[in-house]
Amino acid sequence: MKFMKYIKPMILLSILTTVVLCLNFPKRTNEAQAAEPGLSVGKASRVVNQVSALKQEDSRSLSQDDPVYALDRIIASLDSHGEILLNDNTHILVGPGAEVSLDDFVVADNGIQSATINVLKGAFRFVSGNSPKGTFKIKTPLTTIGIRGTAFDIYVNDRGTTDVILFSGLVNVCTIANRCRLLTRNCDIIRVTSTRNIGFRQFLRSRNRRVENRDYSLVANQKRFQEAWRAPITQCSRRAARLFMDERQGGTDSAPSHGYGNPGRGSGKGNTGSNGSPD
């Protein structure tokens, strides 16, 4: 049985070889993992005037096709805007005077698994891409906004007051105190003025056009944006025209003139619980 003396060394060599191969073999990356600060999560598709990206103390000016990274804070000057395309084909618009932080991105081989975008101030537009519903969460100083496949605008003033305008899909707007309202009807607007004060405003295009264009800068002169970053606001004008005709004829529009939307459709008139879900 002389060959037996060779078996143990051969087994040991086999084990060592296996260990070395396991240590050096590339790890599978389809498991979700937090995006590293240097990981690109999208790019600047178009930049008008001065838009910069700030990470810690390092600031860089953005130009067309420049990458944007997890944990970047994107800042647009007052006469500027940036059209950002994320890796999952989500389109975000950082409007004049806005500051937006790309926080808490979790990625895998098949795309963005979850992400939080912090709108610190200014005008911001979000148009969903290819990620599943619920992937993105938007925060402002006073709110957390849940998204289910949608397009909407956010406006945050210097006091943190937040207006949200829905163009398609559904968003659930909650204050820090967990008082929520569900936006389900296109063109409806929710305003949050404090941790406990949340309510509906008149829907877009139901007020003075000049005032609206002042308050909601992204809905004015949309030809300055690439088509994929534009909002479908014509539907709002049509809704306002129907309301005007109904009021002249003494009828009623499917939405009251205050723009709260239909009762039972996330209007905030007794049909949502504290978490914003239908009763």
C-alpha atoms as a PDB file:
ATOM      1  CA  MET A   1       0.000   0.000   0.000  1.00  0.00           C
ATOM      2  CA  LYS A   2       2.771   2.402  -0.874  1.00  0.00           C
ATOM      3  CA  PHE A   3       0.364   4.631  -2.774  1.00  0.00           C
ATOM      4  CA  MET A   4      -1.372   5.486   0.545  1.00  0.00           C
ATOM      5  CA  LYS A   5       1.474   7.748   1.556  1.00  0.00           C
ATOM      6  CA  TYR A   6       0.667   9.947  -1.466  1.00  0.00           C
ATOM      7  CA  ILE A   7      -3.074  10.258  -0.723  1.00  0.00           C
ATOM      8  CA  LYS A   8      -2.862  12.680   2.226  1.00  0.00           C
ATOM      9  CA  PRO A   9      -0.564  15.135   0.414  1.00  0.00           C
ATOM     10  CA  MET A  10      -2.867  14.985  -2.634  1.00  0.00           C
ATOM     11  CA  ILE A  11      -5.954  15.695  -0.510  1.00  0.00           C
ATOM     12  CA  LEU A  12      -4.199  18.580   1.215  1.00  0.00           C
ATOM     13  CA  LEU A  13      -3.143  20.032  -2.152  1.00  0.00           C
ATOM     14  CA  SER A  14      -6.713  19.745  -3.446  1.00  0.00           C
ATOM     15  CA  ILE A  15      -8.105  21.600  -0.418  1.00  0.00           C
ATOM     16  CA  LEU A  16      -5.544  24.363  -0.698  1.00  0.00           C
ATOM     17  CA  THR A  17      -6.276  24.766  -4.423  1.00  0.00           C
ATOM     18  CA  THR A  18     -10.001  25.047  -3.737  1.00  0.00           C
ATOM     19  CA  VAL A  19      -9.449  27.678  -1.053  1.00  0.00           C
ATOM     20  CA  VAL A  20      -7.223  29.752  -3.350  1.00  0.00           C
ATOM     21  CA  LEU A  21      -9.759  29.583  -6.178  1.00  0.00           C
ATOM     22  CA  CYS A  22     -12.592  30.668  -3.884  1.00  0.00           C
ATOM     23  CA  LEU A  23     -10.623  33.629  -2.590  1.00  0.00           C
ATOM     24  CA  ASN A  24      -9.698  34.829  -6.052  1.00  0.00           C
ATOM     25  CA  PHE A  25     -12.889  34.059  -7.939  1.00  0.00           C
ATOM     26  CA  PRO A  26     -14.915  37.243  -8.674  1.00  0.00           C
ATOM     27  CA  LYS A  27     -17.842  37.641  -6.321  1.00  0.00           C
ATOM     28  CA  ARG A  28     -21.340  37.688  -7.756  1.00  0.00           C
ATOM     29  CA  THR A  29     -22.708  41.210  -7.674  1.00  0.00           C
ATOM     30  CA  ASN A  30     -26.396  40.581  -8.225  1.00  0.00           C
ATOM     31  CA  GLU A  31     -26.954  40.934  -4.495  1.00  0.00           C
ATOM     32  CA  ALA A  32     -28.052  44.427  -3.537  1.00  0.00           C
ATOM     33  CA  GLN A  33     -25.382  46.542  -1.902  1.00  0.00           C
ATOM     34  CA  ALA A  34     -25.089  50.168  -0.855  1.00  0.00           C
ATOM     35  CA  ALA A  35     -23.594  52.311  -3.580  1.00  0.00           C
ATOM     36  CA  GLU A  36     -20.070  53.487  -2.832  1.00  0.00           C
ATOM     37  CA  PRO A  37     -19.516  57.261  -2.912  1.00  0.00           C
ATOM     38  CA  GLY A  38     -17.482  56.878  -6.124  1.00  0.00           C
ATOM     39  CA  LEU A  39     -20.119  54.809  -7.928  1.00  0.00           C
ATOM     40  CA  SER A  40     -21.861  56.541 -10.826  1.00  0.00           C
ATOM     41  CA  VAL A  41     -25.655  56.369 -10.533  1.00  0.00           C
ATOM     42  CA  GLY A  42     -26.396  58.463 -13.625  1.00  0.00           C
ATOM     43  CA  LYS A  43     -25.207  61.309 -15.821  1.00  0.00           C
ATOM     44  CA  ALA A  44     -25.941  64.908 -16.688  1.00  0.00           C
ATOM     45  CA  SER A  45     -27.876  64.740 -19.953  1.00  0.00           C
ATOM     46  CA  ARG A  46     -28.051  68.512 -20.301  1.00  0.00           C
ATOM     47  CA  VAL A  47     -26.769  71.426 -18.248  1.00  0.00           C
ATOM     48  CA  VAL A  48     -27.869  75.043 -18.722  1.00  0.00           C
ATOM     49  CA  ASN A  49     -25.558  77.662 -17.210  1.00  0.00           C
ATOM     50  CA  GLN A  50     -24.066  76.769 -13.827  1.00  0.00           C
ATOM     51  CA  VAL A  51     -24.836  73.430 -12.189  1.00  0.00           C
ATOM     52  CA  SER A  52     -22.357  71.826  -9.784  1.00  0.00           C
ATOM     53  CA  ALA A  53     -22.017  68.620  -7.798  1.00  0.00           C
ATOM     54  CA  LEU A  54     -20.749  68.816  -4.233  1.00  0.00           C
ATOM     55  CA  LYS A  55     -19.368  65.888  -2.253  1.00  0.00           C
ATOM     56  CA  GLN A  56     -18.069  66.732   1.210  1.00  0.00           C
ATOM     57  CA  GLU A  57     -15.788  69.721   0.521  1.00  0.00           C
ATOM     58  CA  ASP A  58     -15.086  68.825  -3.116  1.00  0.00           C
ATOM     59  CA  SER A  59     -17.119  70.697  -5.736  1.00  0.00           C
ATOM     60  CA  ARG A  60     -17.083  70.190  -9.512  1.00  0.00           C
ATOM     61  CA  SER A  61     -18.986  71.859 -12.349  1.00  0.00           C
ATOM     62  CA  LEU A  62     -21.224  69.562 -14.357  1.00  0.00           C
ATOM     63  CA  SER A  63     -21.225  69.433 -18.145  1.00  0.00           C
ATOM     64  CA  GLN A  64     -23.135  67.269 -20.597  1.00  0.00           C
ATOM     65  CA  ASP A  65     -22.487  63.522 -20.103  1.00  0.00           C
ATOM     66  CA  ASP A  66     -20.588  64.038 -16.851  1.00  0.00           C
ATOM     67  CA  PRO A  67     -21.350  61.257 -14.339  1.00  0.00           C
ATOM     68  CA  VAL A  68     -23.207  61.909 -11.105  1.00  0.00           C
ATOM     69  CA  TYR A  69     -22.405  59.814  -8.071  1.00  0.00           C
ATOM     70  CA  ALA A  70     -24.100  58.459  -4.978  1.00  0.00           C
ATOM     71  CA  LEU A  71     -24.032  61.082  -2.194  1.00  0.00           C
ATOM     72  CA  ASP A  72     -23.589  63.955  -4.669  1.00  0.00           C
ATOM     73  CA  ARG A  73     -25.401  67.168  -3.802  1.00  0.00           C
ATOM     74  CA  ILE A  74     -26.448  68.767  -7.094  1.00  0.00           C
ATOM     75  CA  ILE A  75     -26.777  72.553  -6.951  1.00  0.00           C
ATOM     76  CA  ALA A  76     -28.222  74.771  -9.700  1.00  0.00           C
ATOM     77  CA  SER A  77     -27.732  78.532  -9.791  1.00  0.00           C
ATOM     78  CA  LEU A  78     -30.791  80.791  -9.982  1.00  0.00           C
ATOM     79  CA  ASP A  79     -30.693  81.053 -13.795  1.00  0.00           C
ATOM     80  CA  SER A  80     -29.676  77.440 -14.359  1.00  0.00           C
ATOM     81  CA  HIS A  81     -30.999  73.896 -14.445  1.00  0.00           C
ATOM     82  CA  GLY A  82     -29.698  70.366 -14.845  1.00  0.00           C
ATOM     83  CA  GLU A  83     -31.418  67.464 -16.612  1.00  0.00           C
ATOM     84  CA  ILE A  84     -30.135  64.273 -14.991  1.00  0.00           C
ATOM     85  CA  LEU A  85     -30.636  60.747 -16.340  1.00  0.00           C
ATOM     86  CA  LEU A  86     -30.226  58.018 -13.729  1.00  0.00           C
ATOM     87  CA  ASN A  87     -29.030  54.526 -14.587  1.00  0.00           C
ATOM     88  CA  ASP A  88     -32.557  53.070 -14.473  1.00  0.00           C
ATOM     89  CA  ASN A  89     -33.805  55.681 -16.990  1.00  0.00           C
ATOM     90  CA  THR A  90     -35.386  57.840 -14.294  1.00  0.00           C
ATOM     91  CA  HIS A  91     -35.356  61.499 -15.360  1.00  0.00           C
ATOM     92  CA  ILE A  92     -34.831  64.163 -12.721  1.00  0.00           C
ATOM     93  CA  LEU A  93     -34.795  67.895 -13.285  1.00  0.00           C
ATOM     94  CA  VAL A  94     -32.876  70.105 -10.854  1.00  0.00           C
ATOM     95  CA  GLY A  95     -34.451  73.506 -11.372  1.00  0.00           C
ATOM     96  CA  PRO A  96     -33.238  77.071 -10.811  1.00  0.00           C
ATOM     97  CA  GLY A  97     -31.889  77.628  -7.306  1.00  0.00           C
ATOM     98  CA  ALA A  98     -32.405  73.996  -6.313  1.00  0.00           C
ATOM     99  CA  GLU A  99     -30.256  71.762  -4.128  1.00  0.00           C
ATOM    100  CA  VAL A 100     -30.817  68.012  -4.438  1.00  0.00           C
ATOM    101  CA  SER A 101     -28.892  65.240  -2.694  1.00  0.00           C
ATOM    102  CA  LEU A 102     -28.589  61.696  -4.107  1.00  0.00           C
ATOM    103  CA  ASP A 103     -28.660  59.686  -0.881  1.00  0.00           C
ATOM    104  CA  ASP A 104     -28.932  56.032   0.143  1.00  0.00           C
ATOM    105  CA  PHE A 105     -28.638  54.412  -3.294  1.00  0.00           C
ATOM    106  CA  VAL A 106     -28.632  50.596  -3.181  1.00  0.00           C
ATOM    107  CA  VAL A 107     -27.643  48.964  -6.476  1.00  0.00           C
ATOM    108  CA  ALA A 108     -27.204  45.523  -8.016  1.00  0.00           C
ATOM    109  CA  ASP A 109     -26.482  44.040 -11.440  1.00  0.00           C
ATOM    110  CA  ASN A 110     -30.133  44.445 -12.408  1.00  0.00           C
ATOM    111  CA  GLY A 111     -30.321  48.135 -11.506  1.00  0.00           C
ATOM    112  CA  ILE A 112     -31.236  50.427  -8.635  1.00  0.00           C
ATOM    113  CA  GLN A 113     -32.823  48.500  -5.766  1.00  0.00           C
ATOM    114  CA  SER A 114     -33.704  51.479  -3.577  1.00  0.00           C
ATOM    115  CA  ALA A 115     -32.799  55.151  -3.362  1.00  0.00           C
ATOM    116  CA  THR A 116     -33.580  58.320  -1.453  1.00  0.00           C
ATOM    117  CA  ILE A 117     -33.433  61.732  -3.097  1.00  0.00           C
ATOM    118  CA  ASN A 118     -33.373  64.702  -0.737  1.00  0.00           C
ATOM    119  CA  VAL A 119     -34.834  67.908  -2.166  1.00  0.00           C
ATOM    120  CA  LEU A 120     -33.343  70.519   0.149  1.00  0.00           C
ATOM    121  CA  LYS A 121     -34.734  73.582  -1.622  1.00  0.00           C
ATOM    122  CA  GLY A 122     -35.894  74.886  -4.988  1.00  0.00           C
ATOM    123  CA  ALA A 123     -37.733  73.300  -7.910  1.00  0.00           C
ATOM    124  CA  PHE A 124     -37.437  69.601  -8.740  1.00  0.00           C
ATOM    125  CA  ARG A 125     -39.100  67.242 -11.221  1.00  0.00           C
ATOM    126  CA  PHE A 126     -39.192  63.439 -11.097  1.00  0.00           C
ATOM    127  CA  VAL A 127     -40.211  61.109 -13.942  1.00  0.00           C
ATOM    128  CA  SER A 128     -40.065  57.387 -13.161  1.00  0.00           C
ATOM    129  CA  GLY A 129     -37.773  55.067 -15.093  1.00  0.00           C
ATOM    130  CA  ASN A 130     -37.515  51.275 -15.259  1.00  0.00           C
ATOM    131  CA  SER A 131     -37.183  50.469 -11.561  1.00  0.00           C
ATOM    132  CA  PRO A 132     -40.113  48.778  -9.772  1.00  0.00           C
ATOM    133  CA  LYS A 133     -42.691  50.862  -7.962  1.00  0.00           C
ATOM    134  CA  GLY A 134     -41.539  51.861  -4.523  1.00  0.00           C
ATOM    135  CA  THR A 135     -37.839  51.930  -5.421  1.00  0.00           C
ATOM    136  CA  PHE A 136     -37.485  55.672  -4.883  1.00  0.00           C
ATOM    137  CA  LYS A 137     -38.344  57.786  -1.885  1.00  0.00           C
ATOM    138  CA  ILE A 138     -38.196  61.572  -1.969  1.00  0.00           C
ATOM    139  CA  LYS A 139     -37.601  63.699   1.109  1.00  0.00           C
ATOM    140  CA  THR A 140     -37.894  67.437   1.753  1.00  0.00           C
ATOM    141  CA  PRO A 141     -37.301  69.290   5.043  1.00  0.00           C
ATOM    142  CA  LEU A 142     -40.947  68.668   6.012  1.00  0.00           C
ATOM    143  CA  THR A 143     -42.051  65.593   4.059  1.00  0.00           C
ATOM    144  CA  THR A 144     -41.404  62.065   2.897  1.00  0.00           C
ATOM    145  CA  ILE A 145     -42.948  61.152  -0.463  1.00  0.00           C
ATOM    146  CA  GLY A 146     -43.643  57.589  -1.567  1.00  0.00           C
ATOM    147  CA  ILE A 147     -43.760  56.981  -5.322  1.00  0.00           C
ATOM    148  CA  ARG A 148     -45.638  54.422  -7.401  1.00  0.00           C
ATOM    149  CA  GLY A 149     -44.634  54.929 -11.024  1.00  0.00           C
ATOM    150  CA  THR A 150     -45.243  58.569 -11.647  1.00  0.00           C
ATOM    151  CA  ALA A 151     -44.288  62.072 -12.751  1.00  0.00           C
ATOM    152  CA  PHE A 152     -44.503  65.053 -10.410  1.00  0.00           C
ATOM    153  CA  ASP A 153     -42.946  68.368  -9.393  1.00  0.00           C
ATOM    154  CA  ILE A 154     -41.731  69.483  -5.961  1.00  0.00           C
ATOM    155  CA  TYR A 155     -41.201  73.081  -4.868  1.00  0.00           C
ATOM    156  CA  VAL A 156     -39.466  73.840  -1.548  1.00  0.00           C
ATOM    157  CA  ASN A 157     -39.084  77.411  -0.354  1.00  0.00           C
ATOM    158  CA  ASP A 158     -36.561  78.808   2.135  1.00  0.00           C
ATOM    159  CA  ARG A 159     -38.842  77.979   5.084  1.00  0.00           C
ATOM    160  CA  GLY A 160     -39.222  74.368   3.965  1.00  0.00           C
ATOM    161  CA  THR A 161     -42.816  74.781   2.776  1.00  0.00           C
ATOM    162  CA  THR A 162     -43.343  72.077   0.172  1.00  0.00           C
ATOM    163  CA  ASP A 163     -45.751  71.941  -2.784  1.00  0.00           C
ATOM    164  CA  VAL A 164     -46.176  68.700  -4.740  1.00  0.00           C
ATOM    165  CA  ILE A 165     -47.908  68.670  -8.158  1.00  0.00           C
ATOM    166  CA  LEU A 166     -48.935  65.317  -9.659  1.00  0.00           C
ATOM    167  CA  PHE A 167     -48.862  64.774 -13.440  1.00  0.00           C
ATOM    168  CA  SER A 168     -49.272  60.994 -13.609  1.00  0.00           C
ATOM    169  CA  GLY A 169     -49.274  57.955 -11.343  1.00  0.00           C
ATOM    170  CA  LEU A 170     -49.671  58.198  -7.591  1.00  0.00           C
ATOM    171  CA  VAL A 171     -47.708  59.736  -4.728  1.00  0.00           C
ATOM    172  CA  ASN A 172     -48.219  59.525  -0.985  1.00  0.00           C
ATOM    173  CA  VAL A 173     -47.120  62.715   0.775  1.00  0.00           C
ATOM    174  CA  CYS A 174     -46.476  62.433   4.526  1.00  0.00           C
ATOM    175  CA  THR A 175     -45.309  65.028   7.011  1.00  0.00           C
ATOM    176  CA  ILE A 176     -42.614  64.252   9.576  1.00  0.00           C
ATOM    177  CA  ALA A 177     -45.470  63.788  12.072  1.00  0.00           C
ATOM    178  CA  ASN A 178     -46.895  61.099   9.738  1.00  0.00           C
ATOM    179  CA  ARG A 179     -49.913  63.065   8.563  1.00  0.00           C
ATOM    180  CA  CYS A 180     -50.429  61.887   4.998  1.00  0.00           C
ATOM    181  CA  ARG A 181     -52.382  62.689   1.874  1.00  0.00           C
ATOM    182  CA  LEU A 182     -52.626  60.601  -1.265  1.00  0.00           C
ATOM    183  CA  LEU A 183     -52.325  62.328  -4.643  1.00  0.00           C
ATOM    184  CA  THR A 184     -54.134  60.307  -7.305  1.00  0.00           C
ATOM    185  CA  ARG A 185     -55.615  62.879  -9.686  1.00  0.00           C
ATOM    186  CA  ASN A 186     -53.404  64.548 -12.264  1.00  0.00           C
ATOM    187  CA  CYS A 187     -52.785  68.280 -11.737  1.00  0.00           C
ATOM    188  CA  ASP A 188     -53.760  68.192  -8.043  1.00  0.00           C
ATOM    189  CA  ILE A 189     -51.448  69.999  -5.613  1.00  0.00           C
ATOM    190  CA  ILE A 190     -50.595  69.283  -1.984  1.00  0.00           C
ATOM    191  CA  ARG A 191     -48.970  71.885   0.249  1.00  0.00           C
ATOM    192  CA  VAL A 192     -47.119  71.129   3.492  1.00  0.00           C
ATOM    193  CA  THR A 193     -46.323  74.143   5.697  1.00  0.00           C
ATOM    194  CA  SER A 194     -45.285  72.393   8.929  1.00  0.00           C
ATOM    195  CA  THR A 195     -44.851  68.945  10.437  1.00  0.00           C
ATOM    196  CA  ARG A 196     -48.604  68.808  11.098  1.00  0.00           C
ATOM    197  CA  ASN A 197     -50.132  71.068   8.450  1.00  0.00           C
ATOM    198  CA  ILE A 198     -50.873  69.360   5.134  1.00  0.00           C
ATOM    199  CA  GLY A 199     -53.683  70.057   2.660  1.00  0.00           C
ATOM    200  CA  PHE A 200     -54.762  70.469  -0.939  1.00  0.00           C
ATOM    201  CA  ARG A 201     -54.526  73.626  -3.039  1.00  0.00           C
ATOM    202  CA  GLN A 202     -56.408  74.559  -6.182  1.00  0.00           C
ATOM    203  CA  PHE A 203     -55.301  72.318  -8.997  1.00  0.00           C
ATOM    204  CA  LEU A 204     -52.742  73.521 -11.524  1.00  0.00           C
ATOM    205  CA  ARG A 205     -54.117  75.936 -14.135  1.00  0.00           C
ATOM    206  CA  SER A 206     -57.225  76.712 -12.079  1.00  0.00           C
ATOM    207  CA  ARG A 207     -55.667  79.974 -10.778  1.00  0.00           C
ATOM    208  CA  ASN A 208     -54.054  83.003 -12.363  1.00  0.00           C
ATOM    209  CA  ARG A 209     -51.532  81.761 -14.927  1.00  0.00           C
ATOM    210  CA  ARG A 210     -48.947  84.435 -14.124  1.00  0.00           C
ATOM    211  CA  VAL A 211     -49.053  83.640 -10.408  1.00  0.00           C
ATOM    212  CA  GLU A 212     -48.738  79.925 -11.083  1.00  0.00           C
ATOM    213  CA  ASN A 213     -45.752  80.410 -13.387  1.00  0.00           C
ATOM    214  CA  ARG A 214     -44.102  82.485 -10.659  1.00  0.00           C
ATOM    215  CA  ASP A 215     -44.781  79.928  -7.927  1.00  0.00           C
ATOM    216  CA  TYR A 216     -44.100  76.844 -10.070  1.00  0.00           C
ATOM    217  CA  SER A 217     -41.218  77.780 -12.339  1.00  0.00           C
ATOM    218  CA  LEU A 218     -40.867  74.402 -14.069  1.00  0.00           C
ATOM    219  CA  VAL A 219     -44.338  74.523 -15.666  1.00  0.00           C
ATOM    220  CA  ALA A 220     -43.521  77.758 -17.512  1.00  0.00           C
ATOM    221  CA  ASN A 221     -41.797  77.677 -20.916  1.00  0.00           C
ATOM    222  CA  GLN A 222     -41.203  73.937 -20.982  1.00  0.00           C
ATOM    223  CA  LYS A 223     -39.578  74.081 -24.413  1.00  0.00           C
ATOM    224  CA  ARG A 224     -36.350  74.974 -22.611  1.00  0.00           C
ATOM    225  CA  PHE A 225     -36.241  71.333 -21.406  1.00  0.00           C
ATOM    226  CA  GLN A 226     -35.605  68.219 -23.460  1.00  0.00           C
ATOM    227  CA  GLU A 227     -38.853  66.424 -24.243  1.00  0.00           C
ATOM    228  CA  ALA A 228     -38.332  63.587 -21.760  1.00  0.00           C
ATOM    229  CA  TRP A 229     -38.027  66.128 -18.939  1.00  0.00           C
ATOM    230  CA  ARG A 230     -41.255  67.996 -19.768  1.00  0.00           C
ATOM    231  CA  ALA A 231     -44.484  67.602 -17.800  1.00  0.00           C
ATOM    232  CA  PRO A 232     -47.868  66.996 -19.510  1.00  0.00           C
ATOM    233  CA  ILE A 233     -49.534  70.187 -18.295  1.00  0.00           C
ATOM    234  CA  THR A 234     -51.979  70.502 -21.222  1.00  0.00           C
ATOM    235  CA  GLN A 235     -54.251  68.111 -19.339  1.00  0.00           C
ATOM    236  CA  CYS A 236     -54.408  70.662 -16.507  1.00  0.00           C
ATOM    237  CA  SER A 237     -55.525  73.439 -18.862  1.00  0.00           C
ATOM    238  CA  ARG A 238     -58.230  71.168 -20.275  1.00  0.00           C
ATOM    239  CA  ARG A 239     -59.449  70.341 -16.787  1.00  0.00           C
ATOM    240  CA  ALA A 240     -59.610  74.046 -15.893  1.00  0.00           C
ATOM    241  CA  ALA A 241     -61.532  74.794 -19.112  1.00  0.00           C
ATOM    242  CA  ARG A 242     -64.076  72.046 -18.320  1.00  0.00           C
ATOM    243  CA  LEU A 243     -64.524  73.422 -14.815  1.00  0.00           C
ATOM    244  CA  PHE A 244     -65.046  76.944 -16.163  1.00  0.00           C
ATOM    245  CA  MET A 245     -67.686  75.761 -18.638  1.00  0.00           C
ATOM    246  CA  ASP A 246     -69.479  73.692 -16.005  1.00  0.00           C
ATOM    247  CA  GLU A 247     -69.601  76.621 -13.604  1.00  0.00           C
ATOM    248  CA  ARG A 248     -70.991  78.913 -16.324  1.00  0.00           C
ATOM    249  CA  GLN A 249     -73.661  76.347 -17.141  1.00  0.00           C
ATOM    250  CA  GLY A 250     -74.471  75.785 -13.490  1.00  0.00           C
ATOM    251  CA  GLY A 251     -73.216  72.220 -13.549  1.00  0.00           C
ATOM    252  CA  THR A 252     -70.427  70.567 -11.614  1.00  0.00           C
ATOM    253  CA  ASP A 253     -67.083  69.328 -12.758  1.00  0.00           C
ATOM    254  CA  SER A 254     -65.895  65.917 -11.620  1.00  0.00           C
ATOM    255  CA  ALA A 255     -63.529  67.927  -9.418  1.00  0.00           C
ATOM    256  CA  PRO A 256     -64.769  70.818  -7.260  1.00  0.00           C
ATOM    257  CA  SER A 257     -63.415  74.279  -7.989  1.00  0.00           C
ATOM    258  CA  HIS A 258     -61.158  74.173  -4.933  1.00  0.00           C
ATOM    259  CA  GLY A 259     -59.197  71.465  -6.751  1.00  0.00           C
ATOM    260  CA  TYR A 260     -59.332  68.874  -3.994  1.00  0.00           C
ATOM    261  CA  GLY A 261     -60.116  66.078  -6.429  1.00  0.00           C
ATOM    262  CA  ASN A 262     -62.914  63.541  -6.143  1.00  0.00           C
ATOM    263  CA  PRO A 263     -63.943  62.338  -2.704  1.00  0.00           C
ATOM    264  CA  GLY A 264     -62.730  58.769  -2.348  1.00  0.00           C
ATOM    265  CA  ARG A 265     -59.726  59.320  -4.611  1.00  0.00           C
ATOM    266  CA  GLY A 266     -57.104  60.570  -2.182  1.00  0.00           C
ATOM    267  CA  SER A 267     -58.666  63.988  -1.790  1.00  0.00           C
ATOM    268  CA  GLY A 268     -57.776  64.174   1.871  1.00  0.00           C
ATOM    269  CA  LYS A 269     -61.436  64.760   2.849  1.00  0.00           C
ATOM    270  CA  GLY A 270     -61.791  61.883   5.303  1.00  0.00           C
ATOM    271  CA  ASN A 271     -60.717  59.052   2.997  1.00  0.00           C
ATOM    272  CA  THR A 272     -57.176  58.504   4.232  1.00  0.00           C
ATOM    273  CA  GLY A 273     -55.827  57.201   7.467  1.00  0.00           C
ATOM    274  CA  SER A 274     -52.746  58.496   9.255  1.00  0.00           C
ATOM    275  CA  ASN A 275     -50.548  56.593   6.832  1.00  0.00           C
ATOM    276  CA  GLY A 276     -52.299  57.959   3.751  1.00  0.00           C
ATOM    277  CA  SER A 277     -53.779  54.631   2.667  1.00  0.00           C
ATOM    278  CA  PRO A 278     -57.461  54.348   1.770  1.00  0.00           C
ATOM    279  CA  ASP A 279     -59.778  53.425   4.634  1.00  0.00           C
END
